[in-house]
Amino acid sequence: MLKRFVVALLMVLSLSLVGCTASAMGGLQSHVDTVDGYRFLYPIGWIEVKVASGPDVVFRDLIEETENISVVINPIPANKTLEDLGSPGEVGYQLGKSAIAPPNSNRQAELVSADSYQAEDGKTYYLLEYAVKLPKQERHNLASVVVSHGKLYTLNASATEARWTKMQPVFNQMIHSFSVR
């Protein structure tokens, strides 16, 4: 009798733990950078990757290592606004040429869409979508761009084209969660 009880208890416990893991894996967690003044959501189960130069922060999926999100911060003249840099299409085109598919990178980036929205704090954000071709792979990128305190902040999320359909809702959540103080 005791043996059956222990087996039943272990089964209930293990099923409970599997249920917790499955629901947690579908969620997002927050990354907050208080020094540089930005925040965004990224999937639970992604890990931070240290990089020597370039992005301020990079997270990638633990299993699908090619899925990632990063923040790049570049200085601009203090009196410039995002609108001063150009329309969403113009900024998206320039970002595609300089960051998504820079010269000599063997990448081609096509700007699929470019839009803007006004956040509650009054800041303008540009939302950009790219189809990126590499020599042996096609990728999909979403970016959110904003200007604050003389800096251009770019949040970029990227996945292979094969995974894009599955990841698009999550990537949209991540991109729309990006905020800068």
C-alpha atoms as a PDB file:
ATOM      1  CA  MET A   1       0.000   0.000   0.000  1.00  0.00           C
ATOM      2  CA  LEU A   2       2.771   2.434   0.934  1.00  0.00           C
ATOM      3  CA  LYS A   3       4.606   1.537  -2.243  1.00  0.00           C
ATOM      4  CA  ARG A   4       1.562   2.453  -4.408  1.00  0.00           C
ATOM      5  CA  PHE A   5       1.114   5.701  -2.545  1.00  0.00           C
ATOM      6  CA  VAL A   6       4.759   6.716  -3.119  1.00  0.00           C
ATOM      7  CA  VAL A   7       4.532   5.814  -6.828  1.00  0.00           C
ATOM      8  CA  ALA A   8       1.290   7.788  -7.202  1.00  0.00           C
ATOM      9  CA  LEU A   9       2.813  10.768  -5.362  1.00  0.00           C
ATOM     10  CA  LEU A  10       5.907  10.702  -7.589  1.00  0.00           C
ATOM     11  CA  MET A  11       3.741  10.585 -10.718  1.00  0.00           C
ATOM     12  CA  VAL A  12       1.650  13.548  -9.575  1.00  0.00           C
ATOM     13  CA  LEU A  13       4.785  15.487  -8.635  1.00  0.00           C
ATOM     14  CA  SER A  14       6.534  14.760 -11.940  1.00  0.00           C
ATOM     15  CA  LEU A  15       3.439  15.711 -13.973  1.00  0.00           C
ATOM     16  CA  SER A  16       3.168  18.940 -11.991  1.00  0.00           C
ATOM     17  CA  LEU A  17       6.791  19.809 -12.702  1.00  0.00           C
ATOM     18  CA  VAL A  18       6.380  19.095 -16.426  1.00  0.00           C
ATOM     19  CA  GLY A  19       3.314  21.362 -16.469  1.00  0.00           C
ATOM     20  CA  CYS A  20       5.264  24.163 -14.788  1.00  0.00           C
ATOM     21  CA  THR A  21       8.133  23.842 -17.226  1.00  0.00           C
ATOM     22  CA  ALA A  22       5.870  23.817 -20.265  1.00  0.00           C
ATOM     23  CA  SER A  23       4.034  26.974 -19.210  1.00  0.00           C
ATOM     24  CA  ALA A  24       7.234  28.766 -18.221  1.00  0.00           C
ATOM     25  CA  MET A  25       8.930  28.024 -21.541  1.00  0.00           C
ATOM     26  CA  GLY A  26       6.135  29.843 -23.376  1.00  0.00           C
ATOM     27  CA  GLY A  27       6.621  33.025 -21.335  1.00  0.00           C
ATOM     28  CA  LEU A  28       8.788  36.087 -21.538  1.00  0.00           C
ATOM     29  CA  GLN A  29      11.034  37.648 -18.946  1.00  0.00           C
ATOM     30  CA  SER A  30      12.316  41.184 -18.630  1.00  0.00           C
ATOM     31  CA  HIS A  31      15.806  42.508 -19.218  1.00  0.00           C
ATOM     32  CA  VAL A  32      16.369  45.935 -17.670  1.00  0.00           C
ATOM     33  CA  ASP A  33      19.539  47.954 -18.199  1.00  0.00           C
ATOM     34  CA  THR A  34      19.439  50.755 -15.620  1.00  0.00           C
ATOM     35  CA  VAL A  35      22.775  52.206 -16.748  1.00  0.00           C
ATOM     36  CA  ASP A  36      21.825  52.703 -20.397  1.00  0.00           C
ATOM     37  CA  GLY A  37      18.132  53.159 -19.631  1.00  0.00           C
ATOM     38  CA  TYR A  38      16.305  50.527 -21.688  1.00  0.00           C
ATOM     39  CA  ARG A  39      14.213  47.424 -21.185  1.00  0.00           C
ATOM     40  CA  PHE A  40      12.690  44.647 -23.250  1.00  0.00           C
ATOM     41  CA  LEU A  41      11.186  41.191 -22.935  1.00  0.00           C
ATOM     42  CA  TYR A  42      12.839  37.998 -24.170  1.00  0.00           C
ATOM     43  CA  PRO A  43      11.861  34.312 -23.962  1.00  0.00           C
ATOM     44  CA  ILE A  44      12.473  32.296 -20.838  1.00  0.00           C
ATOM     45  CA  GLY A  45      15.162  29.777 -21.699  1.00  0.00           C
ATOM     46  CA  TRP A  46      17.287  32.235 -23.657  1.00  0.00           C
ATOM     47  CA  ILE A  47      20.748  33.002 -22.300  1.00  0.00           C
ATOM     48  CA  GLU A  48      22.892  36.115 -22.340  1.00  0.00           C
ATOM     49  CA  VAL A  49      25.942  35.877 -24.574  1.00  0.00           C
ATOM     50  CA  LYS A  50      28.956  38.035 -23.796  1.00  0.00           C
ATOM     51  CA  VAL A  51      30.401  39.824 -26.824  1.00  0.00           C
ATOM     52  CA  ALA A  52      33.668  41.751 -26.903  1.00  0.00           C
ATOM     53  CA  SER A  53      32.467  44.606 -29.097  1.00  0.00           C
ATOM     54  CA  GLY A  54      29.355  45.654 -30.933  1.00  0.00           C
ATOM     55  CA  PRO A  55      26.004  45.105 -29.231  1.00  0.00           C
ATOM     56  CA  ASP A  56      25.394  46.315 -25.684  1.00  0.00           C
ATOM     57  CA  VAL A  57      23.664  43.012 -24.882  1.00  0.00           C
ATOM     58  CA  VAL A  58      22.852  39.793 -26.756  1.00  0.00           C
ATOM     59  CA  PHE A  59      20.495  36.969 -25.776  1.00  0.00           C
ATOM     60  CA  ARG A  60      20.037  33.760 -27.762  1.00  0.00           C
ATOM     61  CA  ASP A  61      17.951  30.645 -27.549  1.00  0.00           C
ATOM     62  CA  LEU A  62      19.676  27.836 -25.679  1.00  0.00           C
ATOM     63  CA  ILE A  63      18.490  25.220 -28.194  1.00  0.00           C
ATOM     64  CA  GLU A  64      17.929  27.191 -31.422  1.00  0.00           C
ATOM     65  CA  GLU A  65      21.225  29.067 -31.157  1.00  0.00           C
ATOM     66  CA  THR A  66      20.605  31.115 -34.304  1.00  0.00           C
ATOM     67  CA  GLU A  67      17.615  32.885 -32.718  1.00  0.00           C
ATOM     68  CA  ASN A  68      18.760  36.003 -30.933  1.00  0.00           C
ATOM     69  CA  ILE A  69      17.957  39.496 -29.763  1.00  0.00           C
ATOM     70  CA  SER A  70      20.427  42.328 -29.246  1.00  0.00           C
ATOM     71  CA  VAL A  71      20.631  46.014 -28.419  1.00  0.00           C
ATOM     72  CA  VAL A  72      23.046  48.350 -30.177  1.00  0.00           C
ATOM     73  CA  ILE A  73      23.569  51.925 -28.957  1.00  0.00           C
ATOM     74  CA  ASN A  74      25.166  54.558 -31.193  1.00  0.00           C
ATOM     75  CA  PRO A  75      25.825  58.226 -30.424  1.00  0.00           C
ATOM     76  CA  ILE A  76      24.115  60.910 -32.503  1.00  0.00           C
ATOM     77  CA  PRO A  77      24.054  64.701 -32.107  1.00  0.00           C
ATOM     78  CA  ALA A  78      22.182  65.545 -28.897  1.00  0.00           C
ATOM     79  CA  ASN A  79      19.646  67.783 -30.608  1.00  0.00           C
ATOM     80  CA  LYS A  80      18.580  65.167 -33.228  1.00  0.00           C
ATOM     81  CA  THR A  81      15.273  63.333 -33.094  1.00  0.00           C
ATOM     82  CA  LEU A  82      14.423  60.079 -34.824  1.00  0.00           C
ATOM     83  CA  GLU A  83      12.355  62.036 -37.319  1.00  0.00           C
ATOM     84  CA  ASP A  84      15.412  64.212 -38.066  1.00  0.00           C
ATOM     85  CA  LEU A  85      17.232  61.051 -39.156  1.00  0.00           C
ATOM     86  CA  GLY A  86      14.504  60.292 -41.700  1.00  0.00           C
ATOM     87  CA  SER A  87      11.218  58.505 -42.229  1.00  0.00           C
ATOM     88  CA  PRO A  88      10.814  54.890 -41.072  1.00  0.00           C
ATOM     89  CA  GLY A  89      11.616  53.726 -44.605  1.00  0.00           C
ATOM     90  CA  GLU A  90      14.713  55.916 -44.882  1.00  0.00           C
ATOM     91  CA  VAL A  91      16.067  54.896 -41.481  1.00  0.00           C
ATOM     92  CA  GLY A  92      15.216  51.252 -42.216  1.00  0.00           C
ATOM     93  CA  TYR A  93      17.072  51.401 -45.517  1.00  0.00           C
ATOM     94  CA  GLN A  94      20.159  52.950 -43.881  1.00  0.00           C
ATOM     95  CA  LEU A  95      20.089  50.467 -40.994  1.00  0.00           C
ATOM     96  CA  GLY A  96      19.817  47.618 -43.477  1.00  0.00           C
ATOM     97  CA  LYS A  97      22.896  48.834 -45.354  1.00  0.00           C
ATOM     98  CA  SER A  98      25.004  49.636 -42.290  1.00  0.00           C
ATOM     99  CA  ALA A  99      24.044  47.071 -39.642  1.00  0.00           C
ATOM    100  CA  ILE A 100      21.849  44.251 -40.976  1.00  0.00           C
ATOM    101  CA  ALA A 101      23.830  43.679 -44.203  1.00  0.00           C
ATOM    102  CA  PRO A 102      26.962  45.847 -44.080  1.00  0.00           C
ATOM    103  CA  PRO A 103      29.317  46.014 -47.055  1.00  0.00           C
ATOM    104  CA  ASN A 104      31.487  42.907 -47.554  1.00  0.00           C
ATOM    105  CA  SER A 105      29.309  40.825 -45.196  1.00  0.00           C
ATOM    106  CA  ASN A 106      27.944  38.476 -47.915  1.00  0.00           C
ATOM    107  CA  ARG A 107      24.449  39.419 -46.737  1.00  0.00           C
ATOM    108  CA  GLN A 108      21.582  41.015 -48.588  1.00  0.00           C
ATOM    109  CA  ALA A 109      18.826  42.718 -46.613  1.00  0.00           C
ATOM    110  CA  GLU A 110      15.459  43.652 -48.039  1.00  0.00           C
ATOM    111  CA  LEU A 111      13.361  46.069 -46.001  1.00  0.00           C
ATOM    112  CA  VAL A 112       9.964  44.334 -45.902  1.00  0.00           C
ATOM    113  CA  SER A 113       8.101  46.917 -43.825  1.00  0.00           C
ATOM    114  CA  ALA A 114       8.724  50.125 -41.925  1.00  0.00           C
ATOM    115  CA  ASP A 115       6.281  51.759 -39.536  1.00  0.00           C
ATOM    116  CA  SER A 116       6.279  54.114 -36.577  1.00  0.00           C
ATOM    117  CA  TYR A 117       4.341  54.592 -33.375  1.00  0.00           C
ATOM    118  CA  GLN A 118       4.255  57.045 -30.517  1.00  0.00           C
ATOM    119  CA  ALA A 119       4.831  55.567 -27.047  1.00  0.00           C
ATOM    120  CA  GLU A 120       2.957  56.793 -23.976  1.00  0.00           C
ATOM    121  CA  ASP A 121       6.004  58.838 -22.945  1.00  0.00           C
ATOM    122  CA  GLY A 122       5.917  60.708 -26.285  1.00  0.00           C
ATOM    123  CA  LYS A 123       8.946  59.000 -27.847  1.00  0.00           C
ATOM    124  CA  THR A 124       8.697  57.888 -31.468  1.00  0.00           C
ATOM    125  CA  TYR A 125       9.734  54.321 -32.286  1.00  0.00           C
ATOM    126  CA  TYR A 126      10.327  52.908 -35.762  1.00  0.00           C
ATOM    127  CA  LEU A 127       9.460  49.244 -36.309  1.00  0.00           C
ATOM    128  CA  LEU A 128      11.400  47.634 -39.153  1.00  0.00           C
ATOM    129  CA  GLU A 129      11.182  44.193 -40.739  1.00  0.00           C
ATOM    130  CA  TYR A 130      13.845  42.627 -42.967  1.00  0.00           C
ATOM    131  CA  ALA A 131      14.277  39.528 -45.105  1.00  0.00           C
ATOM    132  CA  VAL A 132      17.997  38.701 -44.999  1.00  0.00           C
ATOM    133  CA  LYS A 133      19.839  36.391 -47.376  1.00  0.00           C
ATOM    134  CA  LEU A 134      23.161  34.867 -46.387  1.00  0.00           C
ATOM    135  CA  PRO A 135      25.168  32.477 -48.579  1.00  0.00           C
ATOM    136  CA  LYS A 136      23.693  29.341 -46.951  1.00  0.00           C
ATOM    137  CA  GLN A 137      20.687  30.658 -45.045  1.00  0.00           C
ATOM    138  CA  GLU A 138      17.707  32.981 -45.163  1.00  0.00           C
ATOM    139  CA  ARG A 139      16.780  34.909 -42.037  1.00  0.00           C
ATOM    140  CA  HIS A 140      14.087  37.253 -40.814  1.00  0.00           C
ATOM    141  CA  ASN A 141      14.837  40.284 -38.624  1.00  0.00           C
ATOM    142  CA  LEU A 142      12.624  42.660 -36.686  1.00  0.00           C
ATOM    143  CA  ALA A 143      14.020  45.878 -35.271  1.00  0.00           C
ATOM    144  CA  SER A 144      12.797  48.690 -33.053  1.00  0.00           C
ATOM    145  CA  VAL A 145      14.655  52.002 -33.264  1.00  0.00           C
ATOM    146  CA  VAL A 146      14.375  55.014 -30.946  1.00  0.00           C
ATOM    147  CA  VAL A 147      16.398  58.122 -30.093  1.00  0.00           C
ATOM    148  CA  SER A 148      16.962  59.266 -26.524  1.00  0.00           C
ATOM    149  CA  HIS A 149      19.545  61.536 -24.865  1.00  0.00           C
ATOM    150  CA  GLY A 150      21.742  61.827 -27.949  1.00  0.00           C
ATOM    151  CA  LYS A 151      21.804  58.081 -28.639  1.00  0.00           C
ATOM    152  CA  LEU A 152      20.222  55.851 -31.255  1.00  0.00           C
ATOM    153  CA  TYR A 153      18.992  52.616 -29.650  1.00  0.00           C
ATOM    154  CA  THR A 154      18.308  49.619 -31.902  1.00  0.00           C
ATOM    155  CA  LEU A 155      16.740  46.397 -30.676  1.00  0.00           C
ATOM    156  CA  ASN A 156      17.131  43.642 -33.273  1.00  0.00           C
ATOM    157  CA  ALA A 157      15.582  40.159 -33.131  1.00  0.00           C
ATOM    158  CA  SER A 158      16.552  37.518 -35.677  1.00  0.00           C
ATOM    159  CA  ALA A 159      15.559  33.967 -36.629  1.00  0.00           C
ATOM    160  CA  THR A 160      16.011  31.672 -39.590  1.00  0.00           C
ATOM    161  CA  GLU A 161      13.286  31.898 -42.215  1.00  0.00           C
ATOM    162  CA  ALA A 162      12.386  28.271 -41.438  1.00  0.00           C
ATOM    163  CA  ARG A 163      11.539  29.221 -37.824  1.00  0.00           C
ATOM    164  CA  TRP A 164      10.020  32.620 -38.614  1.00  0.00           C
ATOM    165  CA  THR A 165       6.378  31.524 -38.811  1.00  0.00           C
ATOM    166  CA  LYS A 166       6.569  29.904 -35.373  1.00  0.00           C
ATOM    167  CA  MET A 167       8.563  32.726 -33.766  1.00  0.00           C
ATOM    168  CA  GLN A 168       6.837  35.761 -35.325  1.00  0.00           C
ATOM    169  CA  PRO A 169       4.278  36.283 -32.504  1.00  0.00           C
ATOM    170  CA  VAL A 170       7.014  36.096 -29.846  1.00  0.00           C
ATOM    171  CA  PHE A 171       9.316  38.397 -31.826  1.00  0.00           C
ATOM    172  CA  ASN A 172       6.490  40.915 -32.209  1.00  0.00           C
ATOM    173  CA  GLN A 173       6.010  40.888 -28.430  1.00  0.00           C
ATOM    174  CA  MET A 174       9.738  41.392 -27.859  1.00  0.00           C
ATOM    175  CA  ILE A 175       9.985  44.275 -30.335  1.00  0.00           C
ATOM    176  CA  HIS A 176       6.906  46.034 -28.972  1.00  0.00           C
ATOM    177  CA  SER A 177       8.171  45.656 -25.395  1.00  0.00           C
ATOM    178  CA  PHE A 178      11.305  47.713 -26.091  1.00  0.00           C
ATOM    179  CA  SER A 179      11.332  51.001 -24.196  1.00  0.00           C
ATOM    180  CA  VAL A 180      13.979  53.598 -23.501  1.00  0.00           C
ATOM    181  CA  ARG A 181      13.828  56.246 -20.806  1.00  0.00           C
END
